[in-house]
N, C-alpha and C. Protein backbone atom coordinates (compact mmCIF):
# COMPACT_ATOMS: atom_id res chain seq x y z
N UNK A 1 16.38 -5.12 128.79
CA UNK A 1 16.46 -4.16 129.86
C UNK A 1 15.27 -4.35 130.77
N UNK A 2 15.53 -4.06 132.06
CA UNK A 2 14.48 -4.17 133.04
C UNK A 2 14.33 -2.83 133.73
N UNK A 3 13.09 -2.39 133.94
CA UNK A 3 12.84 -1.11 134.58
C UNK A 3 12.60 -1.32 136.06
N UNK A 4 13.16 -0.45 136.89
CA UNK A 4 13.00 -0.50 138.34
C UNK A 4 12.20 0.71 138.77
N UNK A 5 11.38 0.60 139.83
CA UNK A 5 10.61 1.77 140.30
C UNK A 5 11.56 2.81 140.87
N UNK A 6 11.11 4.05 140.96
CA UNK A 6 11.97 5.12 141.47
C UNK A 6 12.25 4.91 142.96
N UNK A 7 13.35 5.43 143.49
CA UNK A 7 13.66 5.29 144.91
C UNK A 7 12.60 5.97 145.75
N UNK A 8 12.43 5.54 147.01
CA UNK A 8 11.40 6.07 147.90
C UNK A 8 11.68 7.51 148.32
N UNK A 9 12.89 7.95 148.29
CA UNK A 9 13.24 9.29 148.75
C UNK A 9 12.90 10.36 147.73
N UNK A 10 12.41 9.97 146.67
CA UNK A 10 12.06 10.96 145.64
C UNK A 10 13.12 10.96 144.54
N UNK A 11 12.93 11.76 143.57
CA UNK A 11 13.89 11.84 142.48
C UNK A 11 13.27 11.38 141.19
N UNK A 12 14.07 11.36 140.18
CA UNK A 12 13.57 10.99 138.87
C UNK A 12 13.56 9.48 138.71
N UNK A 13 12.63 9.07 137.86
CA UNK A 13 12.58 7.65 137.58
C UNK A 13 13.72 7.36 136.63
N UNK A 14 14.54 6.39 137.08
CA UNK A 14 15.69 6.08 136.24
C UNK A 14 15.54 4.73 135.59
N UNK A 15 16.30 4.56 134.60
CA UNK A 15 16.32 3.29 133.90
C UNK A 15 17.69 2.70 134.14
N UNK A 16 17.68 1.51 134.76
CA UNK A 16 18.95 0.83 134.96
C UNK A 16 18.94 -0.47 134.20
N UNK A 17 20.07 -0.82 133.77
CA UNK A 17 20.16 -2.04 133.00
C UNK A 17 20.57 -3.18 133.93
N UNK A 18 19.86 -4.26 133.88
CA UNK A 18 20.16 -5.42 134.70
C UNK A 18 20.75 -6.49 133.82
N UNK A 19 21.92 -6.93 134.20
CA UNK A 19 22.55 -8.01 133.44
C UNK A 19 22.77 -9.17 134.40
N UNK A 20 22.53 -10.31 133.92
CA UNK A 20 22.71 -11.51 134.72
C UNK A 20 24.21 -11.78 134.88
N UNK A 21 24.66 -12.20 136.15
CA UNK A 21 26.09 -12.45 136.31
C UNK A 21 26.55 -13.64 135.47
N UNK A 22 27.73 -13.53 134.97
CA UNK A 22 28.28 -14.60 134.15
C UNK A 22 28.79 -15.71 135.06
N UNK A 23 29.10 -16.82 134.44
CA UNK A 23 29.61 -17.96 135.22
C UNK A 23 30.93 -17.61 135.90
N UNK A 24 31.76 -16.86 135.27
CA UNK A 24 33.04 -16.50 135.88
C UNK A 24 32.82 -15.58 137.08
N UNK A 25 31.83 -14.71 137.00
CA UNK A 25 31.51 -13.83 138.13
C UNK A 25 30.95 -14.64 139.30
N UNK A 26 30.07 -15.62 138.99
CA UNK A 26 29.54 -16.50 140.02
C UNK A 26 30.67 -17.28 140.70
N UNK A 27 31.59 -17.79 139.93
CA UNK A 27 32.72 -18.54 140.47
C UNK A 27 33.57 -17.65 141.37
N UNK A 28 33.78 -16.42 140.95
CA UNK A 28 34.57 -15.48 141.74
C UNK A 28 33.89 -15.19 143.08
N UNK A 29 32.58 -15.00 143.07
CA UNK A 29 31.83 -14.75 144.31
C UNK A 29 31.88 -15.98 145.22
N UNK A 30 31.69 -17.17 144.62
CA UNK A 30 31.73 -18.40 145.39
C UNK A 30 33.11 -18.61 146.02
N UNK A 31 34.16 -18.35 145.29
CA UNK A 31 35.51 -18.51 145.82
C UNK A 31 35.78 -17.52 146.96
N UNK A 32 35.25 -16.32 146.86
CA UNK A 32 35.41 -15.35 147.95
C UNK A 32 34.74 -15.86 149.23
N UNK A 33 33.54 -16.41 149.10
CA UNK A 33 32.84 -16.97 150.26
C UNK A 33 33.58 -18.20 150.81
N UNK A 34 34.04 -19.05 149.90
CA UNK A 34 34.77 -20.25 150.32
C UNK A 34 36.05 -19.86 151.05
N UNK A 35 36.78 -18.89 150.53
CA UNK A 35 38.01 -18.42 151.15
C UNK A 35 37.72 -17.86 152.56
N UNK A 36 36.64 -17.11 152.69
CA UNK A 36 36.28 -16.55 153.99
C UNK A 36 35.93 -17.66 154.98
N UNK A 37 35.21 -18.68 154.53
CA UNK A 37 34.84 -19.79 155.42
C UNK A 37 36.06 -20.59 155.85
N UNK A 38 36.98 -20.86 154.93
CA UNK A 38 38.19 -21.61 155.27
C UNK A 38 39.05 -20.79 156.24
N UNK A 39 39.17 -19.50 156.02
CA UNK A 39 39.94 -18.65 156.92
C UNK A 39 39.31 -18.64 158.31
N UNK A 40 38.00 -18.55 158.39
CA UNK A 40 37.31 -18.59 159.67
C UNK A 40 37.52 -19.94 160.37
N UNK A 41 37.47 -21.01 159.61
CA UNK A 41 37.72 -22.34 160.17
C UNK A 41 39.13 -22.43 160.74
N UNK A 42 40.12 -21.99 159.99
CA UNK A 42 41.52 -22.04 160.44
C UNK A 42 41.71 -21.19 161.69
N UNK A 43 41.17 -19.98 161.70
CA UNK A 43 41.30 -19.11 162.87
C UNK A 43 40.62 -19.72 164.10
N UNK A 44 39.46 -20.34 163.92
CA UNK A 44 38.76 -20.97 165.04
C UNK A 44 39.55 -22.14 165.59
N UNK A 45 40.08 -22.99 164.72
CA UNK A 45 40.88 -24.14 165.16
C UNK A 45 42.14 -23.67 165.88
N UNK A 46 42.83 -22.69 165.33
CA UNK A 46 44.05 -22.19 165.97
C UNK A 46 43.72 -21.58 167.33
N UNK A 47 42.65 -20.83 167.42
CA UNK A 47 42.29 -20.21 168.70
C UNK A 47 41.86 -21.26 169.71
N UNK A 48 40.94 -22.14 169.31
CA UNK A 48 40.36 -23.10 170.27
C UNK A 48 41.30 -24.24 170.62
N UNK A 49 42.15 -24.66 169.69
CA UNK A 49 43.00 -25.82 169.93
C UNK A 49 44.44 -25.48 170.29
N UNK A 50 44.86 -24.25 170.07
CA UNK A 50 46.25 -23.89 170.36
C UNK A 50 46.33 -22.71 171.32
N UNK A 51 45.82 -21.58 170.91
CA UNK A 51 46.00 -20.35 171.70
C UNK A 51 45.32 -20.43 173.06
N UNK A 52 44.06 -20.83 173.12
CA UNK A 52 43.33 -20.87 174.39
C UNK A 52 43.93 -21.89 175.36
N UNK A 53 44.18 -23.15 174.94
CA UNK A 53 44.80 -24.09 175.87
C UNK A 53 46.19 -23.65 176.34
N UNK A 54 47.00 -23.08 175.45
CA UNK A 54 48.32 -22.61 175.87
C UNK A 54 48.21 -21.45 176.87
N UNK A 55 47.25 -20.58 176.66
CA UNK A 55 47.03 -19.48 177.60
C UNK A 55 46.65 -20.03 178.97
N UNK A 56 45.73 -20.99 179.01
CA UNK A 56 45.34 -21.58 180.29
C UNK A 56 46.50 -22.31 180.94
N UNK A 57 47.31 -23.01 180.16
CA UNK A 57 48.47 -23.71 180.71
C UNK A 57 49.46 -22.72 181.31
N UNK A 58 49.75 -21.64 180.59
CA UNK A 58 50.70 -20.63 181.11
C UNK A 58 50.16 -19.97 182.37
N UNK A 59 48.89 -19.58 182.38
CA UNK A 59 48.31 -18.96 183.56
C UNK A 59 48.34 -19.95 184.73
N UNK A 60 48.00 -21.21 184.47
CA UNK A 60 48.01 -22.23 185.51
C UNK A 60 49.40 -22.46 186.07
N UNK A 61 50.40 -22.54 185.20
CA UNK A 61 51.77 -22.78 185.68
C UNK A 61 52.34 -21.60 186.43
N UNK A 62 51.91 -20.39 186.07
CA UNK A 62 52.41 -19.20 186.77
C UNK A 62 51.65 -18.98 188.07
N UNK A 63 50.32 -19.05 188.02
CA UNK A 63 49.51 -18.74 189.20
C UNK A 63 49.42 -19.92 190.17
N UNK A 64 49.38 -21.15 189.67
CA UNK A 64 49.23 -22.34 190.50
C UNK A 64 50.24 -23.41 190.08
N UNK A 65 51.53 -23.21 190.33
CA UNK A 65 52.52 -24.16 189.82
C UNK A 65 52.39 -25.57 190.40
N UNK A 66 52.08 -25.70 191.69
CA UNK A 66 51.98 -27.03 192.29
C UNK A 66 50.77 -27.79 191.76
N UNK A 67 49.63 -27.12 191.66
CA UNK A 67 48.42 -27.78 191.17
C UNK A 67 48.54 -28.14 189.69
N UNK A 68 49.22 -27.29 188.91
CA UNK A 68 49.36 -27.55 187.48
C UNK A 68 50.22 -28.78 187.22
N UNK A 69 51.06 -29.14 188.16
CA UNK A 69 51.91 -30.31 188.01
C UNK A 69 51.29 -31.56 188.61
N UNK A 70 50.06 -31.49 189.14
CA UNK A 70 49.37 -32.66 189.65
C UNK A 70 49.36 -32.78 191.15
N UNK A 71 49.74 -31.74 191.87
CA UNK A 71 49.76 -31.75 193.34
C UNK A 71 50.55 -32.93 193.87
N UNK A 72 51.76 -33.10 193.35
CA UNK A 72 52.58 -34.25 193.71
C UNK A 72 53.16 -34.08 195.11
N UNK A 73 53.27 -35.21 195.80
CA UNK A 73 53.86 -35.24 197.13
C UNK A 73 55.25 -35.85 196.99
N UNK A 74 56.26 -35.16 197.53
CA UNK A 74 57.62 -35.65 197.45
C UNK A 74 58.15 -35.98 198.85
N UNK A 75 59.03 -36.97 198.88
CA UNK A 75 59.69 -37.36 200.12
C UNK A 75 61.16 -37.57 199.79
N UNK A 76 62.01 -36.74 200.36
CA UNK A 76 63.46 -36.77 200.09
C UNK A 76 63.75 -36.63 198.60
N UNK A 77 63.02 -35.73 197.93
CA UNK A 77 63.24 -35.46 196.52
C UNK A 77 62.63 -36.47 195.57
N UNK A 78 61.96 -37.48 196.09
CA UNK A 78 61.36 -38.52 195.26
C UNK A 78 59.84 -38.37 195.31
N UNK A 79 59.19 -38.42 194.15
CA UNK A 79 57.74 -38.32 194.10
C UNK A 79 57.14 -39.62 194.63
N UNK A 80 56.27 -39.48 195.62
CA UNK A 80 55.67 -40.67 196.25
C UNK A 80 54.16 -40.74 196.06
N UNK A 81 53.54 -39.75 195.50
CA UNK A 81 52.10 -39.79 195.30
C UNK A 81 51.55 -38.44 194.91
N UNK A 82 50.23 -38.33 194.96
CA UNK A 82 49.53 -37.10 194.63
C UNK A 82 48.50 -36.82 195.71
N UNK A 83 48.27 -35.53 195.97
CA UNK A 83 47.25 -35.16 196.95
C UNK A 83 45.85 -35.36 196.40
N UNK A 84 45.72 -35.51 195.09
CA UNK A 84 44.41 -35.57 194.46
C UNK A 84 43.91 -37.00 194.25
N UNK A 85 44.79 -37.97 194.25
CA UNK A 85 44.39 -39.36 194.00
C UNK A 85 44.67 -40.16 195.26
N UNK A 86 43.69 -40.96 195.67
CA UNK A 86 43.81 -41.72 196.91
C UNK A 86 44.98 -42.70 196.85
N UNK A 87 45.54 -42.97 198.01
CA UNK A 87 46.65 -43.89 198.14
C UNK A 87 46.20 -45.09 198.98
N UNK A 88 46.69 -46.28 198.70
CA UNK A 88 46.32 -47.42 199.53
C UNK A 88 47.17 -47.44 200.81
N UNK A 89 46.51 -47.39 201.96
CA UNK A 89 47.19 -47.47 203.25
C UNK A 89 46.66 -48.67 203.99
N UNK A 90 47.54 -49.43 204.61
CA UNK A 90 47.11 -50.60 205.35
C UNK A 90 47.39 -50.48 206.84
N UNK A 91 48.26 -49.57 207.23
CA UNK A 91 48.57 -49.41 208.65
C UNK A 91 47.38 -48.77 209.37
N UNK A 92 47.13 -49.16 210.62
CA UNK A 92 45.94 -48.64 211.31
C UNK A 92 46.02 -47.16 211.66
N UNK A 93 47.21 -46.56 211.67
CA UNK A 93 47.30 -45.15 212.04
C UNK A 93 46.89 -44.21 210.90
N UNK A 94 46.71 -44.74 209.71
CA UNK A 94 46.32 -43.91 208.58
C UNK A 94 44.81 -43.96 208.36
N UNK A 95 44.26 -42.86 207.87
CA UNK A 95 42.86 -42.81 207.48
C UNK A 95 42.67 -43.70 206.26
N UNK A 96 41.64 -44.51 206.26
CA UNK A 96 41.40 -45.42 205.15
C UNK A 96 40.70 -44.66 204.02
N UNK A 97 41.25 -44.67 202.80
CA UNK A 97 40.62 -43.93 201.69
C UNK A 97 39.40 -44.66 201.15
N UNK A 98 38.69 -43.99 200.28
CA UNK A 98 37.53 -44.60 199.65
C UNK A 98 37.99 -45.73 198.73
N UNK A 99 37.13 -46.68 198.43
CA UNK A 99 37.52 -47.77 197.53
C UNK A 99 37.84 -47.24 196.14
N UNK A 100 38.81 -47.85 195.51
CA UNK A 100 39.24 -47.42 194.18
C UNK A 100 38.97 -48.52 193.17
N UNK A 101 38.36 -48.16 192.06
CA UNK A 101 38.10 -49.12 190.99
C UNK A 101 39.36 -49.45 190.23
N UNK A 102 40.37 -48.59 190.32
CA UNK A 102 41.62 -48.77 189.56
C UNK A 102 42.76 -49.16 190.47
N UNK A 103 42.47 -49.68 191.66
CA UNK A 103 43.50 -50.07 192.63
C UNK A 103 44.46 -48.93 192.91
N UNK A 104 43.94 -47.71 192.97
CA UNK A 104 44.69 -46.50 193.30
C UNK A 104 45.79 -46.20 192.28
N UNK A 105 45.63 -46.66 191.06
CA UNK A 105 46.58 -46.39 189.99
C UNK A 105 46.18 -45.07 189.33
N UNK A 106 47.04 -44.08 189.40
CA UNK A 106 46.71 -42.75 188.89
C UNK A 106 46.53 -42.73 187.37
N UNK A 107 47.22 -43.59 186.65
CA UNK A 107 47.09 -43.58 185.20
C UNK A 107 45.75 -44.16 184.75
N UNK A 108 45.09 -44.90 185.63
CA UNK A 108 43.80 -45.49 185.28
C UNK A 108 42.70 -44.94 186.17
N UNK A 109 42.90 -43.75 186.71
CA UNK A 109 41.90 -43.23 187.63
C UNK A 109 40.61 -42.95 186.90
N UNK A 110 39.53 -43.25 187.55
CA UNK A 110 38.21 -43.04 186.96
C UNK A 110 37.17 -43.80 187.74
N UNK A 111 35.96 -43.64 187.34
CA UNK A 111 34.87 -44.29 188.06
C UNK A 111 34.69 -45.72 187.59
N UNK A 112 34.20 -46.57 188.48
CA UNK A 112 33.92 -47.95 188.11
C UNK A 112 32.51 -48.09 187.60
N UNK A 113 31.66 -47.10 187.90
CA UNK A 113 30.25 -47.13 187.56
C UNK A 113 29.53 -48.28 188.23
N UNK A 114 30.05 -48.73 189.36
CA UNK A 114 29.37 -49.75 190.15
C UNK A 114 28.40 -49.06 191.07
N UNK A 115 27.19 -49.54 191.11
CA UNK A 115 26.20 -48.96 192.01
C UNK A 115 26.33 -49.59 193.38
N UNK A 116 25.62 -49.04 194.34
CA UNK A 116 25.67 -49.57 195.70
C UNK A 116 25.08 -50.97 195.78
N UNK A 117 24.28 -51.37 194.80
CA UNK A 117 23.70 -52.71 194.82
C UNK A 117 24.60 -53.76 194.17
N UNK A 118 25.75 -53.36 193.65
CA UNK A 118 26.67 -54.29 193.01
C UNK A 118 27.41 -55.10 194.07
N UNK A 119 27.35 -56.43 193.96
CA UNK A 119 27.96 -57.29 194.98
C UNK A 119 29.47 -57.20 195.00
N UNK A 120 30.10 -56.94 193.84
CA UNK A 120 31.55 -56.78 193.83
C UNK A 120 31.97 -55.57 194.65
N UNK A 121 31.25 -54.46 194.51
CA UNK A 121 31.56 -53.27 195.29
C UNK A 121 31.26 -53.52 196.76
N UNK A 122 30.12 -54.14 197.06
CA UNK A 122 29.78 -54.43 198.46
C UNK A 122 30.84 -55.31 199.10
N UNK A 123 31.30 -56.31 198.37
CA UNK A 123 32.32 -57.21 198.92
C UNK A 123 33.61 -56.46 199.22
N UNK A 124 34.05 -55.64 198.28
CA UNK A 124 35.31 -54.91 198.48
C UNK A 124 35.20 -53.92 199.63
N UNK A 125 34.08 -53.22 199.72
CA UNK A 125 33.89 -52.27 200.82
C UNK A 125 33.83 -53.02 202.15
N UNK A 126 33.15 -54.17 202.17
CA UNK A 126 33.07 -54.95 203.41
C UNK A 126 34.44 -55.42 203.85
N UNK A 127 35.29 -55.81 202.89
CA UNK A 127 36.65 -56.24 203.24
C UNK A 127 37.46 -55.08 203.84
N UNK A 128 37.26 -53.88 203.31
CA UNK A 128 38.02 -52.75 203.82
C UNK A 128 37.46 -52.20 205.11
N UNK A 129 36.14 -52.16 205.23
CA UNK A 129 35.54 -51.54 206.41
C UNK A 129 35.22 -52.53 207.52
N UNK A 130 35.15 -53.82 207.19
CA UNK A 130 34.81 -54.84 208.19
C UNK A 130 35.67 -54.77 209.45
N UNK A 131 36.98 -54.71 209.34
CA UNK A 131 37.81 -54.65 210.55
C UNK A 131 37.64 -53.34 211.33
N UNK A 132 37.13 -52.30 210.68
CA UNK A 132 37.01 -50.99 211.34
C UNK A 132 35.64 -50.74 211.94
N UNK A 133 34.60 -51.48 211.46
CA UNK A 133 33.23 -51.20 211.87
C UNK A 133 33.01 -51.57 213.34
N UNK A 134 32.29 -50.70 214.06
CA UNK A 134 31.96 -50.91 215.47
C UNK A 134 30.48 -50.63 215.66
N UNK A 135 29.90 -51.23 216.70
CA UNK A 135 28.51 -50.99 217.02
C UNK A 135 28.34 -49.53 217.45
N UNK A 136 27.27 -48.89 216.97
CA UNK A 136 27.01 -47.49 217.30
C UNK A 136 26.24 -47.34 218.60
N UNK A 137 25.40 -48.32 218.93
CA UNK A 137 24.64 -48.22 220.17
C UNK A 137 24.26 -49.62 220.64
N UNK A 138 23.51 -49.72 221.71
CA UNK A 138 23.08 -51.00 222.23
C UNK A 138 24.04 -51.54 223.27
N UNK A 139 23.90 -52.82 223.57
CA UNK A 139 24.74 -53.45 224.60
C UNK A 139 26.21 -53.53 224.21
N UNK A 140 26.47 -53.62 222.92
CA UNK A 140 27.85 -53.78 222.44
C UNK A 140 28.42 -52.49 221.87
N UNK A 141 27.94 -51.36 222.31
CA UNK A 141 28.38 -50.06 221.79
C UNK A 141 29.91 -49.94 221.86
N UNK A 142 30.52 -49.60 220.73
CA UNK A 142 31.97 -49.41 220.66
C UNK A 142 32.75 -50.67 220.39
N UNK A 143 32.12 -51.85 220.45
CA UNK A 143 32.81 -53.11 220.18
C UNK A 143 32.81 -53.40 218.68
N UNK A 144 33.82 -54.12 218.19
CA UNK A 144 33.87 -54.43 216.75
C UNK A 144 32.73 -55.36 216.33
N UNK A 145 32.26 -55.16 215.10
CA UNK A 145 31.17 -55.94 214.54
C UNK A 145 31.68 -57.26 213.96
N UNK A 146 32.94 -57.29 213.53
CA UNK A 146 33.52 -58.44 212.84
C UNK A 146 33.30 -59.78 213.51
N UNK A 147 33.57 -59.94 214.83
CA UNK A 147 33.38 -61.25 215.46
C UNK A 147 31.93 -61.76 215.38
N UNK A 148 30.96 -60.86 215.49
CA UNK A 148 29.56 -61.29 215.40
C UNK A 148 29.22 -61.76 213.98
N UNK A 149 29.78 -61.09 213.00
CA UNK A 149 29.55 -61.52 211.62
C UNK A 149 30.18 -62.88 211.38
N UNK A 150 31.39 -63.09 211.90
CA UNK A 150 32.04 -64.40 211.76
C UNK A 150 31.23 -65.48 212.46
N UNK A 151 30.69 -65.18 213.63
CA UNK A 151 29.87 -66.16 214.35
C UNK A 151 28.60 -66.48 213.55
N UNK A 152 28.03 -65.48 212.92
CA UNK A 152 26.84 -65.68 212.09
C UNK A 152 27.16 -66.61 210.93
N UNK A 153 28.34 -66.43 210.31
CA UNK A 153 28.75 -67.32 209.24
C UNK A 153 28.99 -68.73 209.76
N UNK A 154 29.60 -68.84 210.94
CA UNK A 154 29.89 -70.17 211.50
C UNK A 154 28.60 -70.91 211.88
N UNK A 155 27.57 -70.17 212.25
CA UNK A 155 26.29 -70.78 212.57
C UNK A 155 25.73 -71.45 211.31
N UNK A 156 26.09 -70.90 210.14
CA UNK A 156 25.81 -71.51 208.84
C UNK A 156 24.33 -71.78 208.61
N UNK A 157 23.49 -70.78 208.88
CA UNK A 157 22.07 -70.94 208.60
C UNK A 157 21.49 -69.59 208.21
N UNK A 158 20.64 -69.60 207.20
CA UNK A 158 19.96 -68.39 206.76
C UNK A 158 18.51 -68.74 206.50
N UNK A 159 17.62 -68.12 207.25
CA UNK A 159 16.19 -68.39 207.09
C UNK A 159 15.84 -69.84 207.39
N UNK A 160 16.57 -70.46 208.32
CA UNK A 160 16.28 -71.84 208.69
C UNK A 160 16.93 -72.86 207.77
N UNK A 161 17.56 -72.43 206.70
CA UNK A 161 18.22 -73.35 205.77
C UNK A 161 19.71 -73.39 206.07
N UNK A 162 20.30 -74.57 206.18
CA UNK A 162 21.74 -74.64 206.41
C UNK A 162 22.51 -74.30 205.14
N UNK A 163 23.77 -73.97 205.32
CA UNK A 163 24.64 -73.70 204.17
C UNK A 163 24.55 -72.27 203.67
N UNK A 164 24.72 -71.30 204.56
CA UNK A 164 24.59 -69.88 204.16
C UNK A 164 25.64 -69.50 203.12
N UNK A 165 26.86 -69.98 203.29
CA UNK A 165 27.92 -69.65 202.34
C UNK A 165 27.63 -70.29 200.99
N UNK A 166 27.15 -71.53 201.00
CA UNK A 166 26.83 -72.21 199.74
C UNK A 166 25.67 -71.51 199.03
N UNK A 167 24.67 -71.06 199.80
CA UNK A 167 23.56 -70.32 199.20
C UNK A 167 24.06 -69.04 198.53
N UNK A 168 24.92 -68.33 199.26
CA UNK A 168 25.46 -67.08 198.72
C UNK A 168 26.30 -67.36 197.47
N UNK A 169 27.13 -68.41 197.53
CA UNK A 169 27.99 -68.73 196.39
C UNK A 169 27.17 -69.13 195.16
N UNK A 170 26.06 -69.81 195.38
CA UNK A 170 25.19 -70.17 194.26
C UNK A 170 24.53 -68.95 193.64
N UNK A 171 24.19 -67.97 194.49
CA UNK A 171 23.55 -66.75 193.98
C UNK A 171 24.55 -65.83 193.28
N UNK A 172 25.81 -65.84 193.71
CA UNK A 172 26.82 -64.91 193.20
C UNK A 172 28.12 -65.66 192.89
N UNK A 173 28.14 -66.48 191.84
CA UNK A 173 29.32 -67.32 191.57
C UNK A 173 30.57 -66.51 191.21
N UNK A 174 30.42 -65.39 190.51
CA UNK A 174 31.59 -64.60 190.13
C UNK A 174 32.29 -64.01 191.34
N UNK A 175 31.52 -63.46 192.26
CA UNK A 175 32.11 -62.89 193.48
C UNK A 175 32.75 -63.99 194.31
N UNK A 176 32.07 -65.14 194.42
CA UNK A 176 32.61 -66.25 195.20
C UNK A 176 33.93 -66.74 194.59
N UNK A 177 33.99 -66.83 193.28
CA UNK A 177 35.23 -67.27 192.63
C UNK A 177 36.36 -66.29 192.91
N UNK A 178 36.08 -64.98 192.80
CA UNK A 178 37.10 -63.98 193.10
C UNK A 178 37.51 -64.03 194.57
N UNK A 179 36.55 -64.28 195.44
CA UNK A 179 36.82 -64.35 196.86
C UNK A 179 37.74 -65.51 197.18
N UNK A 180 37.48 -66.66 196.56
CA UNK A 180 38.32 -67.85 196.79
C UNK A 180 39.71 -67.63 196.23
N UNK A 181 39.80 -67.04 195.06
CA UNK A 181 41.11 -66.79 194.43
C UNK A 181 41.87 -65.64 195.06
N UNK A 182 41.23 -64.90 195.94
CA UNK A 182 41.91 -63.77 196.61
C UNK A 182 42.00 -62.52 195.77
N UNK A 183 41.19 -62.41 194.72
CA UNK A 183 41.19 -61.22 193.87
C UNK A 183 40.35 -60.15 194.53
N UNK A 184 40.99 -59.08 195.02
CA UNK A 184 40.27 -58.03 195.74
C UNK A 184 39.82 -56.90 194.85
N UNK A 185 40.03 -57.01 193.53
CA UNK A 185 39.61 -55.92 192.64
C UNK A 185 38.21 -56.09 192.19
């Protein structure tokens, strides 16, 4: 027997018997805790992986039906694109979209992680913007830049050394190979 001090609120000093829990009692307590943890895990998974996403889907489809379906653009009942993903346009009357790392394929949309110093990105942007670029000021204000760049290439000299294209190709063989093969990606 073990003696305990009297309660702080006053009263008589009592004698209580302390018995150590048996193994079966320990097992019962452990199983109660385990059952509570498993139930909490199941409830959390059901809420976070089923109930919450379904609630957001239902609210989205009811409140924003067009956006929930991908903001699709239809022409004569046929889906022709999305308002959210850029489309490749080549006609001059259309606004030219930003360069796409996935060739404007919606199933592969994502970033290329190419920085502005990447020659592949610079080459692709130059191909798309070259025909559109014009001088902003100076004697040739409003005139296209492309012919002057072509003349610079035809002059074929950089820093007094002939063979500007060969110098560039030696510095960037992968881009040059893609350029020769016509691979614009």
